[in-house]
């Protein structure tokens, strides 16, 4: 019997799990259905909020390579329940990822949400599409949102995904999030200062009226 997690849990991995005491936990996970095979609404929402991810590929010699991809929220798009896609922006033009995928379509996406301590691992395969300008234009964010030059499309077919343990994830925030929080703080400070000014004014007015009455 095979399970979705077999894409990562090889016999060697399972043997190590057994030796180190975690195989029973993962065996129960497998029997309950294991990892997801399709993109759920929750996963789609998580992906839509991300500004970056890491894409791992391997060449024909087994040499791994990890490339960062970034853009505005929503630049990594859900096409259907098993397909992700994004406009591949022009960069240093080394084309290592594309070369690796030409030799070996196996790929892996790693998404990290530092602010909320969430990480998602997605296994599958990928392909670079160079001759579909309409699709490229559809995937390209507005120039108002992101200044980049699109070169090609990368399609990723999902085979399995897992929400990873949140332990040891440092909490970090994007600059825009920090700026929004600071703006909210400044507005609140301004509101409180105005309330204080009004209270002082009312106190002074009351004291003046009391002094006039006493006289």
Protein backbone atom coordinates (compact mmCIF):
# COMPACT_ATOMS: atom_id res chain seq x y z
CA UNK A 1 0.00 0.00 0.00
CA UNK A 2 1.30 3.43 -0.92
CA UNK A 3 0.73 6.78 0.77
CA UNK A 4 1.09 10.40 -0.34
CA UNK A 5 3.97 10.88 2.07
CA UNK A 6 5.94 8.12 0.30
CA UNK A 7 7.14 10.88 -2.01
CA UNK A 8 9.42 11.88 0.89
CA UNK A 9 9.32 8.88 3.21
CA UNK A 10 11.45 6.38 1.31
CA UNK A 11 12.22 2.98 2.80
CA UNK A 12 15.50 4.38 4.06
CA UNK A 13 13.71 7.31 5.72
CA UNK A 14 11.16 4.96 7.29
CA UNK A 15 13.96 2.79 8.63
CA UNK A 16 15.56 5.81 10.28
CA UNK A 17 12.19 6.84 11.70
CA UNK A 18 11.79 3.36 13.14
CA UNK A 19 15.28 3.44 14.66
CA UNK A 20 14.71 6.85 16.21
CA UNK A 21 11.19 6.18 17.47
CA UNK A 22 8.94 8.28 15.21
CA UNK A 23 7.73 5.65 12.69
CA UNK A 24 4.61 4.74 14.68
CA UNK A 25 3.49 8.40 14.70
CA UNK A 26 3.85 8.73 10.93
CA UNK A 27 2.32 5.31 10.29
CA UNK A 28 -0.82 6.45 12.10
CA UNK A 29 -0.77 9.66 10.07
CA UNK A 30 -0.59 7.62 6.86
CA UNK A 31 -3.47 5.36 7.91
CA UNK A 32 -5.65 8.44 8.54
CA UNK A 33 -5.11 9.69 5.00
CA UNK A 34 -1.68 11.26 5.24
CA UNK A 35 -0.64 14.37 3.39
CA UNK A 36 -2.92 16.24 1.01
CA UNK A 37 -2.69 15.66 -2.74
CA UNK A 38 -4.72 18.68 -3.84
CA UNK A 39 -4.70 22.39 -3.10
CA UNK A 40 -7.36 23.17 -0.50
CA UNK A 41 -9.06 26.51 0.05
CA UNK A 42 -6.94 27.07 3.15
CA UNK A 43 -3.73 26.39 1.25
CA UNK A 44 -4.85 28.62 -1.63
CA UNK A 45 -5.50 31.45 0.83
CA UNK A 46 -2.10 30.97 2.44
CA UNK A 47 -0.34 31.00 -0.94
CA UNK A 48 -2.18 34.15 -2.04
CA UNK A 49 -0.82 36.04 0.96
CA UNK A 50 2.85 35.13 0.45
CA UNK A 51 5.46 37.50 -0.95
CA UNK A 52 8.20 34.93 -1.52
CA UNK A 53 9.07 31.25 -1.55
CA UNK A 54 11.98 28.92 -2.29
CA UNK A 55 12.03 26.60 -5.29
CA UNK A 56 14.27 23.52 -5.16
CA UNK A 57 15.38 21.53 -8.21
CA UNK A 58 17.96 18.83 -8.92
CA UNK A 59 20.09 18.32 -12.00
CA UNK A 60 20.80 15.05 -13.78
CA UNK A 61 23.83 14.43 -11.54
CA UNK A 62 21.74 14.73 -8.37
CA UNK A 63 23.14 18.14 -7.44
CA UNK A 64 20.40 20.17 -5.64
CA UNK A 65 19.78 23.88 -6.15
CA UNK A 66 17.49 26.30 -4.31
CA UNK A 67 16.32 29.57 -5.86
CA UNK A 68 14.35 32.33 -4.15
CA UNK A 69 11.31 33.75 -5.93
CA UNK A 70 9.57 36.93 -4.78
CA UNK A 71 6.87 39.39 -5.77
CA UNK A 72 3.71 41.07 -4.49
CA UNK A 73 1.13 38.98 -2.58
CA UNK A 74 -0.61 36.74 -5.10
CA UNK A 75 2.27 36.49 -7.57
CA UNK A 76 2.27 32.72 -7.01
CA UNK A 77 -1.12 31.76 -8.39
CA UNK A 78 -3.36 28.73 -7.96
CA UNK A 79 -4.49 27.62 -11.44
CA UNK A 80 -6.49 24.58 -10.34
CA UNK A 81 -6.48 22.04 -7.51
CA UNK A 82 -3.14 20.60 -8.55
CA UNK A 83 -1.40 23.41 -10.43
CA UNK A 84 0.53 26.50 -9.36
CA UNK A 85 2.06 29.03 -11.72
CA UNK A 86 4.02 32.25 -11.64
CA UNK A 87 5.66 34.68 -14.02
CA UNK A 88 9.39 34.03 -13.89
CA UNK A 89 11.06 37.45 -13.72
CA UNK A 90 14.30 38.25 -15.46
CA UNK A 91 17.22 38.01 -13.04
CA UNK A 92 20.91 37.14 -13.25
CA UNK A 93 20.23 34.91 -16.27
CA UNK A 94 22.16 31.89 -15.02
CA UNK A 95 19.15 29.65 -15.85
CA UNK A 96 20.19 26.96 -13.38
CA UNK A 97 16.60 26.20 -12.39
CA UNK A 98 15.48 25.95 -16.00
CA UNK A 99 18.43 23.73 -16.87
CA UNK A 100 17.74 21.46 -13.92
CA UNK A 101 14.07 21.13 -14.85
CA UNK A 102 15.03 20.28 -18.42
CA UNK A 103 17.08 17.36 -17.10
CA UNK A 104 14.87 16.45 -14.12
CA UNK A 105 11.30 17.77 -13.69
CA UNK A 106 11.16 16.94 -9.97
CA UNK A 107 10.74 20.11 -7.90
CA UNK A 108 9.88 21.32 -4.42
CA UNK A 109 8.34 24.56 -3.11
CA UNK A 110 8.97 25.80 0.42
CA UNK A 111 6.82 28.65 1.76
CA UNK A 112 7.57 30.37 5.05
CA UNK A 113 5.30 32.79 6.90
CA UNK A 114 7.62 34.21 9.56
CA UNK A 115 5.01 36.50 11.14
CA UNK A 116 2.58 33.64 11.88
CA UNK A 117 5.13 30.81 12.31
CA UNK A 118 3.77 28.70 9.44
CA UNK A 119 5.72 26.75 6.84
CA UNK A 120 4.32 24.73 3.95
CA UNK A 121 6.20 22.08 1.97
CA UNK A 122 4.98 21.16 -1.52
CA UNK A 123 6.38 18.28 -3.59
CA UNK A 124 5.76 17.91 -7.31
CA UNK A 125 7.15 18.54 -10.76
CA UNK A 126 7.67 21.71 -12.75
CA UNK A 127 8.18 22.93 -16.28
CA UNK A 128 9.24 26.21 -17.85
CA UNK A 129 6.91 27.60 -20.55
CA UNK A 130 8.55 30.09 -22.92
CA UNK A 131 6.00 30.44 -25.75
CA UNK A 132 2.71 31.46 -24.11
CA UNK A 133 2.67 35.30 -23.99
CA UNK A 134 -1.05 35.44 -23.09
CA UNK A 135 -0.49 33.24 -20.02
CA UNK A 136 2.61 35.21 -19.09
CA UNK A 137 0.65 38.47 -19.27
CA UNK A 138 -2.13 36.98 -17.14
CA UNK A 139 0.32 35.91 -14.43
CA UNK A 140 2.32 39.14 -14.42
CA UNK A 141 1.40 41.52 -11.58
CA UNK A 142 0.41 45.08 -12.40
CA UNK A 143 3.33 47.45 -12.96
CA UNK A 144 1.85 49.59 -10.20
CA UNK A 145 2.32 46.72 -7.76
CA UNK A 146 5.68 45.39 -8.86
CA UNK A 147 8.39 46.60 -11.22
CA UNK A 148 9.83 43.54 -12.94
CA UNK A 149 10.35 42.18 -16.41
CA UNK A 150 8.66 38.82 -17.03
CA UNK A 151 10.65 36.34 -19.08
CA UNK A 152 8.72 33.06 -18.98
CA UNK A 153 6.17 31.03 -17.03
CA UNK A 154 6.83 28.27 -14.56
CA UNK A 155 4.08 25.70 -14.02
CA UNK A 156 4.22 23.51 -10.91
CA UNK A 157 2.15 20.33 -10.58
CA UNK A 158 1.38 19.46 -6.96
CA UNK A 159 1.76 15.83 -5.90
CA UNK A 160 1.80 16.21 -2.11
CA UNK A 161 1.97 18.92 0.51
CA UNK A 162 2.36 19.18 4.25
CA UNK A 163 2.05 21.90 6.88
CA UNK A 164 5.29 21.65 8.82
CA UNK A 165 5.94 21.99 12.55
CA UNK A 166 6.11 25.67 13.65
CA UNK A 167 8.96 25.12 16.10
CA UNK A 168 12.11 27.22 15.82
CA UNK A 169 10.65 29.72 13.31
CA UNK A 170 11.89 33.23 14.24
CA UNK A 171 9.11 35.82 14.17
CA UNK A 172 9.76 38.47 11.53
CA UNK A 173 7.56 41.05 9.85
CA UNK A 174 7.61 42.64 6.40
CA UNK A 175 8.46 46.33 6.21
CA UNK A 176 4.93 47.15 5.01
CA UNK A 177 3.41 45.37 7.99
CA UNK A 178 5.66 47.25 10.40
CA UNK A 179 4.87 50.57 8.70
CA UNK A 180 1.13 49.87 8.97
CA UNK A 181 1.46 49.06 12.68
CA UNK A 182 3.51 52.21 13.27
CA UNK A 183 0.93 54.31 11.44
CA UNK A 184 -1.82 52.79 13.60
CA UNK A 185 0.22 53.56 16.71
CA UNK A 186 0.84 57.16 15.61
CA UNK A 187 -2.86 57.69 14.90
CA UNK A 188 -3.75 56.31 18.32
CA UNK A 189 -1.19 58.55 20.00
CA UNK A 190 -2.61 61.55 18.15
CA UNK A 191 -6.14 60.62 19.26
CA UNK A 192 -5.05 60.26 22.90
CA UNK A 193 -3.14 63.56 22.79
CA UNK A 194 -6.25 65.30 21.42
CA UNK A 195 -8.39 63.76 24.16
CA UNK A 196 -5.85 64.90 26.76
CA UNK A 197 -5.84 68.42 25.32
CA UNK A 198 -9.61 68.56 25.50
CA UNK A 199 -9.61 67.27 29.08
CA UNK A 200 -7.05 69.88 30.09
CA UNK A 201 -9.17 72.54 28.45
CA UNK A 202 -12.26 71.37 30.30
CA UNK A 203 -10.30 71.28 33.59
CA UNK A 204 -9.00 74.83 33.11
CA UNK A 205 -12.45 76.07 32.14
CA UNK A 206 -13.95 74.42 35.22
CA UNK A 207 -11.32 75.93 37.47
CA UNK A 208 -11.92 79.39 35.98
CA UNK A 209 -15.68 79.11 36.48
CA UNK A 210 -15.20 77.92 40.07
CA UNK A 211 -12.89 80.82 40.82
CA UNK A 212 -15.39 83.31 39.44
CA UNK A 213 -18.17 81.74 41.53
CA UNK A 214 -16.09 81.85 44.70
CA UNK A 215 -15.50 85.56 44.21
